[in-house]
Amino acid sequence: MCMYNNVGPQWASSFPPFLASGFAPYPSLVLKFGPALRVESKFANAAKVQMDRLLNARKRIEEKFEEKHGIDVQRPAGTTGETNVW
């Protein structure tokens, strides 16, 4: 309310759109330069290593399950192997 009292309702109501238009290019910049930034980021690399570990652990668990039960965990129940959408 102080902003409306100090600068008036026209300018106070225009401030949020001006602020939003200043941030408008950021999503496209992240899409364009994001991969290059992630390559140089130590945090992104650590996250990638952790994700690889998790995916490898999941793959080992699925393989053990398939060996033990003879069920293909990648194929949905009730489908044949010819049309695997996964």
PDB file of N, CA and C in Angstrom:
ATOM      1  N   MET A   1       0.820  -1.197   0.000  1.00  0.00           N
ATOM      2  CA  MET A   1       0.000   0.000   0.000  1.00  0.00           C
ATOM      3  C   MET A   1       0.861   1.258   0.000  1.00  0.00           C
ATOM      4  N   CYS A   2       2.036   1.190   0.593  1.00  0.00           N
ATOM      5  CA  CYS A   2       2.907   2.363   0.600  1.00  0.00           C
ATOM      6  C   CYS A   2       3.283   2.764  -0.816  1.00  0.00           C
ATOM      7  N   MET A   3       3.511   1.779  -1.684  1.00  0.00           N
ATOM      8  CA  MET A   3       3.897   2.097  -3.054  1.00  0.00           C
ATOM      9  C   MET A   3       2.758   2.838  -3.757  1.00  0.00           C
ATOM     10  N   TYR A   4       1.512   2.438  -3.521  1.00  0.00           N
ATOM     11  CA  TYR A   4       0.381   3.126  -4.147  1.00  0.00           C
ATOM     12  C   TYR A   4       0.262   4.553  -3.631  1.00  0.00           C
ATOM     13  N   ASN A   5       0.560   4.764  -2.358  1.00  0.00           N
ATOM     14  CA  ASN A   5       0.488   6.109  -1.795  1.00  0.00           C
ATOM     15  C   ASN A   5       1.637   6.983  -2.283  1.00  0.00           C
ATOM     16  N   ASN A   6       2.818   6.408  -2.486  1.00  0.00           N
ATOM     17  CA  ASN A   6       3.988   7.205  -2.842  1.00  0.00           C
ATOM     18  C   ASN A   6       4.046   7.556  -4.325  1.00  0.00           C
ATOM     19  N   VAL A   7       3.788   6.613  -5.208  1.00  0.00           N
ATOM     20  CA  VAL A   7       3.948   6.882  -6.639  1.00  0.00           C
ATOM     21  C   VAL A   7       2.632   6.945  -7.387  1.00  0.00           C
ATOM     22  N   GLY A   8       1.542   6.619  -6.773  1.00  0.00           N
ATOM     23  CA  GLY A   8       0.246   6.677  -7.437  1.00  0.00           C
ATOM     24  C   GLY A   8      -0.140   5.318  -8.007  1.00  0.00           C
ATOM     25  N   PRO A   9      -1.435   5.118  -8.216  1.00  0.00           N
ATOM     26  CA  PRO A   9      -1.901   3.802  -8.656  1.00  0.00           C
ATOM     27  C   PRO A   9      -1.444   3.425 -10.071  1.00  0.00           C
ATOM     28  N   GLN A  10      -1.256   4.401 -10.969  1.00  0.00           N
ATOM     29  CA  GLN A  10      -0.855   4.053 -12.328  1.00  0.00           C
ATOM     30  C   GLN A  10       0.559   3.451 -12.339  1.00  0.00           C
ATOM     31  N   TRP A  11       1.496   4.112 -11.700  1.00  0.00           N
ATOM     32  CA  TRP A  11       2.867   3.614 -11.693  1.00  0.00           C
ATOM     33  C   TRP A  11       3.015   2.397 -10.784  1.00  0.00           C
ATOM     34  N   ALA A  12       2.313   2.379  -9.693  1.00  0.00           N
ATOM     35  CA  ALA A  12       2.405   1.236  -8.790  1.00  0.00           C
ATOM     36  C   ALA A  12       1.846  -0.017  -9.451  1.00  0.00           C
ATOM     37  N   SER A  13       0.813   0.118 -10.260  1.00  0.00           N
ATOM     38  CA  SER A  13       0.253  -1.032 -10.969  1.00  0.00           C
ATOM     39  C   SER A  13       1.110  -1.431 -12.168  1.00  0.00           C
ATOM     40  N   SER A  14       1.926  -0.523 -12.654  1.00  0.00           N
ATOM     41  CA  SER A  14       2.804  -0.828 -13.793  1.00  0.00           C
ATOM     42  C   SER A  14       4.102  -1.494 -13.354  1.00  0.00           C
ATOM     43  N   PHE A  15       4.473  -1.363 -12.115  1.00  0.00           N
ATOM     44  CA  PHE A  15       5.748  -1.898 -11.653  1.00  0.00           C
ATOM     45  C   PHE A  15       5.860  -3.422 -11.802  1.00  0.00           C
ATOM     46  N   PRO A  16       4.891  -4.235 -11.369  1.00  0.00           N
ATOM     47  CA  PRO A  16       5.027  -5.693 -11.550  1.00  0.00           C
ATOM     48  C   PRO A  16       5.172  -6.124 -13.013  1.00  0.00           C
ATOM     49  N   PRO A  17       4.402  -5.561 -13.964  1.00  0.00           N
ATOM     50  CA  PRO A  17       4.641  -5.955 -15.368  1.00  0.00           C
ATOM     51  C   PRO A  17       6.022  -5.544 -15.873  1.00  0.00           C
ATOM     52  N   PHE A  18       6.508  -4.374 -15.451  1.00  0.00           N
ATOM     53  CA  PHE A  18       7.859  -3.970 -15.850  1.00  0.00           C
ATOM     54  C   PHE A  18       8.886  -4.957 -15.315  1.00  0.00           C
ATOM     55  N   LEU A  19       8.712  -5.353 -14.085  1.00  0.00           N
ATOM     56  CA  LEU A  19       9.624  -6.317 -13.467  1.00  0.00           C
ATOM     57  C   LEU A  19       9.555  -7.665 -14.189  1.00  0.00           C
ATOM     58  N   ALA A  20       8.351  -8.108 -14.509  1.00  0.00           N
ATOM     59  CA  ALA A  20       8.183  -9.384 -15.197  1.00  0.00           C
ATOM     60  C   ALA A  20       8.782  -9.342 -16.600  1.00  0.00           C
ATOM     61  N   SER A  21       8.628  -8.229 -17.300  1.00  0.00           N
ATOM     62  CA  SER A  21       9.202  -8.142 -18.647  1.00  0.00           C
ATOM     63  C   SER A  21      10.725  -8.140 -18.600  1.00  0.00           C
ATOM     64  N   GLY A  22      11.304  -7.690 -17.498  1.00  0.00           N
ATOM     65  CA  GLY A  22      12.750  -7.756 -17.349  1.00  0.00           C
ATOM     66  C   GLY A  22      13.249  -9.179 -17.198  1.00  0.00           C
ATOM     67  N   PHE A  23      12.440 -10.054 -16.602  1.00  0.00           N
ATOM     68  CA  PHE A  23      12.819 -11.451 -16.411  1.00  0.00           C
ATOM     69  C   PHE A  23      12.371 -12.353 -17.563  1.00  0.00           C
ATOM     70  N   ALA A  24      11.651 -11.836 -18.524  1.00  0.00           N
ATOM     71  CA  ALA A  24      11.109 -12.642 -19.618  1.00  0.00           C
ATOM     72  C   ALA A  24      12.172 -13.382 -20.430  1.00  0.00           C
ATOM     73  N   PRO A  25      13.350 -12.813 -20.703  1.00  0.00           N
ATOM     74  CA  PRO A  25      14.315 -13.544 -21.541  1.00  0.00           C
ATOM     75  C   PRO A  25      15.027 -14.692 -20.832  1.00  0.00           C
ATOM     76  N   TYR A  26      14.939 -14.777 -19.511  1.00  0.00           N
ATOM     77  CA  TYR A  26      15.708 -15.784 -18.788  1.00  0.00           C
ATOM     78  C   TYR A  26      15.381 -17.228 -19.165  1.00  0.00           C
ATOM     79  N   PRO A  27      14.135 -17.626 -19.349  1.00  0.00           N
ATOM     80  CA  PRO A  27      13.889 -19.022 -19.757  1.00  0.00           C
ATOM     81  C   PRO A  27      14.562 -19.386 -21.079  1.00  0.00           C
ATOM     82  N   SER A  28      14.514 -18.490 -22.060  1.00  0.00           N
ATOM     83  CA  SER A  28      15.165 -18.801 -23.331  1.00  0.00           C
ATOM     84  C   SER A  28      16.680 -18.812 -23.192  1.00  0.00           C
ATOM     85  N   LEU A  29      17.231 -17.967 -22.322  1.00  0.00           N
ATOM     86  CA  LEU A  29      18.678 -17.990 -22.087  1.00  0.00           C
ATOM     87  C   LEU A  29      19.101 -19.294 -21.419  1.00  0.00           C
ATOM     88  N   VAL A  30      18.293 -19.783 -20.484  1.00  0.00           N
ATOM     89  CA  VAL A  30      18.611 -21.047 -19.829  1.00  0.00           C
ATOM     90  C   VAL A  30      18.522 -22.194 -20.827  1.00  0.00           C
ATOM     91  N   LEU A  31      17.539 -22.163 -21.715  1.00  0.00           N
ATOM     92  CA  LEU A  31      17.436 -23.207 -22.734  1.00  0.00           C
ATOM     93  C   LEU A  31      18.627 -23.186 -23.680  1.00  0.00           C
ATOM     94  N   LYS A  32      19.098 -21.987 -24.011  1.00  0.00           N
ATOM     95  CA  LYS A  32      20.197 -21.867 -24.961  1.00  0.00           C
ATOM     96  C   LYS A  32      21.548 -22.187 -24.313  1.00  0.00           C
ATOM     97  N   PHE A  33      21.810 -21.624 -23.132  1.00  0.00           N
ATOM     98  CA  PHE A  33      23.122 -21.746 -22.516  1.00  0.00           C
ATOM     99  C   PHE A  33      23.169 -22.744 -21.367  1.00  0.00           C
ATOM    100  N   GLY A  34      22.042 -23.364 -21.036  1.00  0.00           N
ATOM    101  CA  GLY A  34      21.989 -24.293 -19.915  1.00  0.00           C
ATOM    102  C   GLY A  34      22.939 -25.469 -20.021  1.00  0.00           C
ATOM    103  N   PRO A  35      22.992 -26.160 -21.179  1.00  0.00           N
ATOM    104  CA  PRO A  35      23.922 -27.291 -21.282  1.00  0.00           C
ATOM    105  C   PRO A  35      25.380 -26.891 -21.059  1.00  0.00           C
ATOM    106  N   ALA A  36      25.784 -25.748 -21.587  1.00  0.00           N
ATOM    107  CA  ALA A  36      27.168 -25.291 -21.395  1.00  0.00           C
ATOM    108  C   ALA A  36      27.431 -24.954 -19.937  1.00  0.00           C
ATOM    109  N   LEU A  37      26.447 -24.380 -19.271  1.00  0.00           N
ATOM    110  CA  LEU A  37      26.617 -24.056 -17.845  1.00  0.00           C
ATOM    111  C   LEU A  37      26.684 -25.317 -16.999  1.00  0.00           C
ATOM    112  N   ARG A  38      25.888 -26.330 -17.351  1.00  0.00           N
ATOM    113  CA  ARG A  38      25.901 -27.565 -16.582  1.00  0.00           C
ATOM    114  C   ARG A  38      27.208 -28.330 -16.740  1.00  0.00           C
ATOM    115  N   VAL A  39      27.847 -28.218 -17.893  1.00  0.00           N
ATOM    116  CA  VAL A  39      29.124 -28.893 -18.104  1.00  0.00           C
ATOM    117  C   VAL A  39      30.176 -28.349 -17.142  1.00  0.00           C
ATOM    118  N   GLU A  40      30.141 -27.042 -16.896  1.00  0.00           N
ATOM    119  CA  GLU A  40      31.144 -26.409 -16.040  1.00  0.00           C
ATOM    120  C   GLU A  40      30.778 -26.443 -14.561  1.00  0.00           C
ATOM    121  N   SER A  41      29.585 -26.849 -14.231  1.00  0.00           N
ATOM    122  CA  SER A  41      29.129 -26.820 -12.841  1.00  0.00           C
ATOM    123  C   SER A  41      29.544 -28.089 -12.106  1.00  0.00           C
ATOM    124  N   LYS A  42      30.197 -27.904 -10.945  1.00  0.00           N
ATOM    125  CA  LYS A  42      30.574 -29.079 -10.158  1.00  0.00           C
ATOM    126  C   LYS A  42      29.338 -29.720  -9.526  1.00  0.00           C
ATOM    127  N   PHE A  43      28.325 -28.939  -9.256  1.00  0.00           N
ATOM    128  CA  PHE A  43      27.111 -29.481  -8.662  1.00  0.00           C
ATOM    129  C   PHE A  43      26.332 -30.324  -9.673  1.00  0.00           C
ATOM    130  N   ALA A  44      26.257 -29.853 -10.923  1.00  0.00           N
ATOM    131  CA  ALA A  44      25.561 -30.625 -11.959  1.00  0.00           C
ATOM    132  C   ALA A  44      26.298 -31.923 -12.236  1.00  0.00           C
ATOM    133  N   ASN A  45      27.633 -31.886 -12.223  1.00  0.00           N
ATOM    134  CA  ASN A  45      28.394 -33.107 -12.452  1.00  0.00           C
ATOM    135  C   ASN A  45      28.185 -34.100 -11.314  1.00  0.00           C
ATOM    136  N   ALA A  46      28.143 -33.603 -10.084  1.00  0.00           N
ATOM    137  CA  ALA A  46      27.894 -34.488  -8.943  1.00  0.00           C
ATOM    138  C   ALA A  46      26.495 -35.093  -9.030  1.00  0.00           C
ATOM    139  N   ALA A  47      25.526 -34.316  -9.467  1.00  0.00           N
ATOM    140  CA  ALA A  47      24.163 -34.830  -9.624  1.00  0.00           C
ATOM    141  C   ALA A  47      24.112 -35.885 -10.717  1.00  0.00           C
ATOM    142  N   LYS A  48      24.865 -35.687 -11.802  1.00  0.00           N
ATOM    143  CA  LYS A  48      24.893 -36.671 -12.878  1.00  0.00           C
ATOM    144  C   LYS A  48      25.522 -37.978 -12.403  1.00  0.00           C
ATOM    145  N   VAL A  49      26.592 -37.888 -11.628  1.00  0.00           N
ATOM    146  CA  VAL A  49      27.236 -39.090 -11.098  1.00  0.00           C
ATOM    147  C   VAL A  49      26.263 -39.841 -10.194  1.00  0.00           C
ATOM    148  N   GLN A  50      25.554 -39.116  -9.339  1.00  0.00           N
ATOM    149  CA  GLN A  50      24.592 -39.741  -8.440  1.00  0.00           C
ATOM    150  C   GLN A  50      23.449 -40.383  -9.218  1.00  0.00           C
ATOM    151  N   MET A  51      22.964 -39.712 -10.254  1.00  0.00           N
ATOM    152  CA  MET A  51      21.885 -40.272 -11.065  1.00  0.00           C
ATOM    153  C   MET A  51      22.354 -41.532 -11.781  1.00  0.00           C
ATOM    154  N   ASP A  52      23.581 -41.525 -12.293  1.00  0.00           N
ATOM    155  CA  ASP A  52      24.119 -42.730 -12.934  1.00  0.00           C
ATOM    156  C   ASP A  52      24.201 -43.887 -11.951  1.00  0.00           C
ATOM    157  N   ARG A  53      24.622 -43.606 -10.720  1.00  0.00           N
ATOM    158  CA  ARG A  53      24.669 -44.657  -9.696  1.00  0.00           C
ATOM    159  C   ARG A  53      23.284 -45.229  -9.428  1.00  0.00           C
ATOM    160  N   LEU A  54      22.305 -44.346  -9.299  1.00  0.00           N
ATOM    161  CA  LEU A  54      20.944 -44.800  -9.037  1.00  0.00           C
ATOM    162  C   LEU A  54      20.394 -45.633 -10.190  1.00  0.00           C
ATOM    163  N   LEU A  55      20.639 -45.194 -11.412  1.00  0.00           N
ATOM    164  CA  LEU A  55      20.139 -45.939 -12.567  1.00  0.00           C
ATOM    165  C   LEU A  55      20.824 -47.293 -12.689  1.00  0.00           C
ATOM    166  N   ASN A  56      22.127 -47.341 -12.417  1.00  0.00           N
ATOM    167  CA  ASN A  56      22.827 -48.618 -12.458  1.00  0.00           C
ATOM    168  C   ASN A  56      22.333 -49.561 -11.367  1.00  0.00           C
ATOM    169  N   ALA A  57      22.072 -49.025 -10.171  1.00  0.00           N
ATOM    170  CA  ALA A  57      21.541 -49.849  -9.086  1.00  0.00           C
ATOM    171  C   ALA A  57      20.160 -50.377  -9.455  1.00  0.00           C
ATOM    172  N   ARG A  58      19.336 -49.539 -10.051  1.00  0.00           N
ATOM    173  CA  ARG A  58      18.000 -49.977 -10.466  1.00  0.00           C
ATOM    174  C   ARG A  58      18.098 -51.072 -11.524  1.00  0.00           C
ATOM    175  N   LYS A  59      19.020 -50.901 -12.459  1.00  0.00           N
ATOM    176  CA  LYS A  59      19.191 -51.909 -13.505  1.00  0.00           C
ATOM    177  C   LYS A  59      19.605 -53.245 -12.901  1.00  0.00           C
ATOM    178  N   ARG A  60      20.531 -53.227 -11.934  1.00  0.00           N
ATOM    179  CA  ARG A  60      20.954 -54.474 -11.287  1.00  0.00           C
ATOM    180  C   ARG A  60      19.790 -55.127 -10.541  1.00  0.00           C
ATOM    181  N   ILE A  61      18.985 -54.331  -9.854  1.00  0.00           N
ATOM    182  CA  ILE A  61      17.831 -54.867  -9.122  1.00  0.00           C
ATOM    183  C   ILE A  61      16.834 -55.489 -10.092  1.00  0.00           C
ATOM    184  N   GLU A  62      16.574 -54.802 -11.219  1.00  0.00           N
ATOM    185  CA  GLU A  62      15.635 -55.339 -12.208  1.00  0.00           C
ATOM    186  C   GLU A  62      16.161 -56.646 -12.803  1.00  0.00           C
ATOM    187  N   GLU A  63      17.461 -56.706 -13.074  1.00  0.00           N
ATOM    188  CA  GLU A  63      18.035 -57.932 -13.625  1.00  0.00           C
ATOM    189  C   GLU A  63      17.916 -59.087 -12.638  1.00  0.00           C
ATOM    190  N   LYS A  64      18.170 -58.831 -11.355  1.00  0.00           N
ATOM    191  CA  LYS A  64      18.026 -59.880 -10.339  1.00  0.00           C
ATOM    192  C   LYS A  64      16.575 -60.334 -10.236  1.00  0.00           C
ATOM    193  N   PHE A  65      15.652 -59.402 -10.298  1.00  0.00           N
ATOM    194  CA  PHE A  65      14.235 -59.722 -10.228  1.00  0.00           C
ATOM    195  C   PHE A  65      13.825 -60.583 -11.421  1.00  0.00           C
ATOM    196  N   GLU A  66      14.301 -60.202 -12.612  1.00  0.00           N
ATOM    197  CA  GLU A  66      13.972 -60.970 -13.810  1.00  0.00           C
ATOM    198  C   GLU A  66      14.526 -62.386 -13.724  1.00  0.00           C
ATOM    199  N   GLU A  67      15.756 -62.533 -13.213  1.00  0.00           N
ATOM    200  CA  GLU A  67      16.343 -63.859 -13.072  1.00  0.00           C
ATOM    201  C   GLU A  67      15.566 -64.713 -12.075  1.00  0.00           C
ATOM    202  N   LYS A  68      15.170 -64.099 -10.968  1.00  0.00           N
ATOM    203  CA  LYS A  68      14.484 -64.843  -9.912  1.00  0.00           C
ATOM    204  C   LYS A  68      13.065 -65.212 -10.303  1.00  0.00           C
ATOM    205  N   HIS A  69      12.323 -64.276 -10.901  1.00  0.00           N
ATOM    206  CA  HIS A  69      10.899 -64.495 -11.158  1.00  0.00           C
ATOM    207  C   HIS A  69      10.570 -64.760 -12.623  1.00  0.00           C
ATOM    208  N   GLY A  70      11.505 -64.531 -13.515  1.00  0.00           N
ATOM    209  CA  GLY A  70      11.245 -64.752 -14.933  1.00  0.00           C
ATOM    210  C   GLY A  70      10.273 -63.764 -15.526  1.00  0.00           C
ATOM    211  N   ILE A  71      10.202 -62.565 -14.956  1.00  0.00           N
ATOM    212  CA  ILE A  71       9.279 -61.540 -15.434  1.00  0.00           C
ATOM    213  C   ILE A  71      10.102 -60.385 -15.990  1.00  0.00           C
ATOM    214  N   ASP A  72       9.706 -59.900 -17.168  1.00  0.00           N
ATOM    215  CA  ASP A  72      10.381 -58.757 -17.766  1.00  0.00           C
ATOM    216  C   ASP A  72       9.804 -57.489 -17.140  1.00  0.00           C
ATOM    217  N   VAL A  73      10.585 -56.800 -16.331  1.00  0.00           N
ATOM    218  CA  VAL A  73      10.065 -55.621 -15.641  1.00  0.00           C
ATOM    219  C   VAL A  73       9.932 -54.422 -16.564  1.00  0.00           C
ATOM    220  N   GLN A  74      10.547 -54.460 -17.739  1.00  0.00           N
ATOM    221  CA  GLN A  74      10.431 -53.354 -18.680  1.00  0.00           C
ATOM    222  C   GLN A  74       9.152 -53.433 -19.502  1.00  0.00           C
ATOM    223  N   ARG A  75       8.501 -54.610 -19.527  1.00  0.00           N
ATOM    224  CA  ARG A  75       7.307 -54.796 -20.321  1.00  0.00           C
ATOM    225  C   ARG A  75       6.079 -54.730 -19.421  1.00  0.00           C
ATOM    226  N   PRO A  76       5.095 -53.897 -19.763  1.00  0.00           N
ATOM    227  CA  PRO A  76       3.877 -53.832 -18.964  1.00  0.00           C
ATOM    228  C   PRO A  76       3.141 -55.167 -18.957  1.00  0.00           C
ATOM    229  N   ALA A  77       2.438 -55.419 -17.888  1.00  0.00           N
ATOM    230  CA  ALA A  77       1.688 -56.668 -17.765  1.00  0.00           C
ATOM    231  C   ALA A  77       0.627 -56.765 -18.849  1.00  0.00           C
ATOM    232  N   GLY A  78       0.463 -57.959 -19.419  1.00  0.00           N
ATOM    233  CA  GLY A  78      -0.560 -58.186 -20.417  1.00  0.00           C
ATOM    234  C   GLY A  78      -0.143 -57.862 -21.828  1.00  0.00           C
ATOM    235  N   THR A  79       1.128 -57.489 -22.047  1.00  0.00           N
ATOM    236  CA  THR A  79       1.567 -57.190 -23.405  1.00  0.00           C
ATOM    237  C   THR A  79       2.565 -58.235 -23.859  1.00  0.00           C
ATOM    238  N   THR A  80       2.744 -58.298 -25.142  1.00  0.00           N
ATOM    239  CA  THR A  80       3.747 -59.221 -25.685  1.00  0.00           C
ATOM    240  C   THR A  80       5.029 -58.447 -25.934  1.00  0.00           C
ATOM    241  N   GLY A  81       6.086 -59.154 -26.200  1.00  0.00           N
ATOM    242  CA  GLY A  81       7.370 -58.503 -26.387  1.00  0.00           C
ATOM    243  C   GLY A  81       7.528 -57.776 -27.700  1.00  0.00           C
ATOM    244  N   GLU A  82       6.620 -58.010 -28.678  1.00  0.00           N
ATOM    245  CA  GLU A  82       6.796 -57.405 -29.992  1.00  0.00           C
ATOM    246  C   GLU A  82       6.583 -55.900 -29.986  1.00  0.00           C
ATOM    247  N   THR A  83       5.628 -55.424 -29.205  1.00  0.00           N
ATOM    248  CA  THR A  83       5.309 -53.994 -29.222  1.00  0.00           C
ATOM    249  C   THR A  83       5.671 -53.371 -27.884  1.00  0.00           C
ATOM    250  N   ASN A  84       6.931 -53.350 -27.593  1.00  0.00           N
ATOM    251  CA  ASN A  84       7.388 -52.780 -26.334  1.00  0.00           C
ATOM    252  C   ASN A  84       7.500 -51.262 -26.470  1.00  0.00           C
ATOM    253  N   VAL A  85       6.673 -50.537 -25.742  1.00  0.00           N
ATOM    254  CA  VAL A  85       6.682 -49.082 -25.812  1.00  0.00           C
ATOM    255  C   VAL A  85       7.653 -48.457 -24.830  1.00  0.00           C
ATOM    256  N   TRP A  86       8.233 -49.233 -23.987  1.00  0.00           N
ATOM    257  CA  TRP A  86       9.168 -48.663 -23.006  1.00  0.00           C
ATOM    258  C   TRP A  86      10.483 -48.553 -23.661  1.00  0.00           C
TER     259      TRP A  86
END
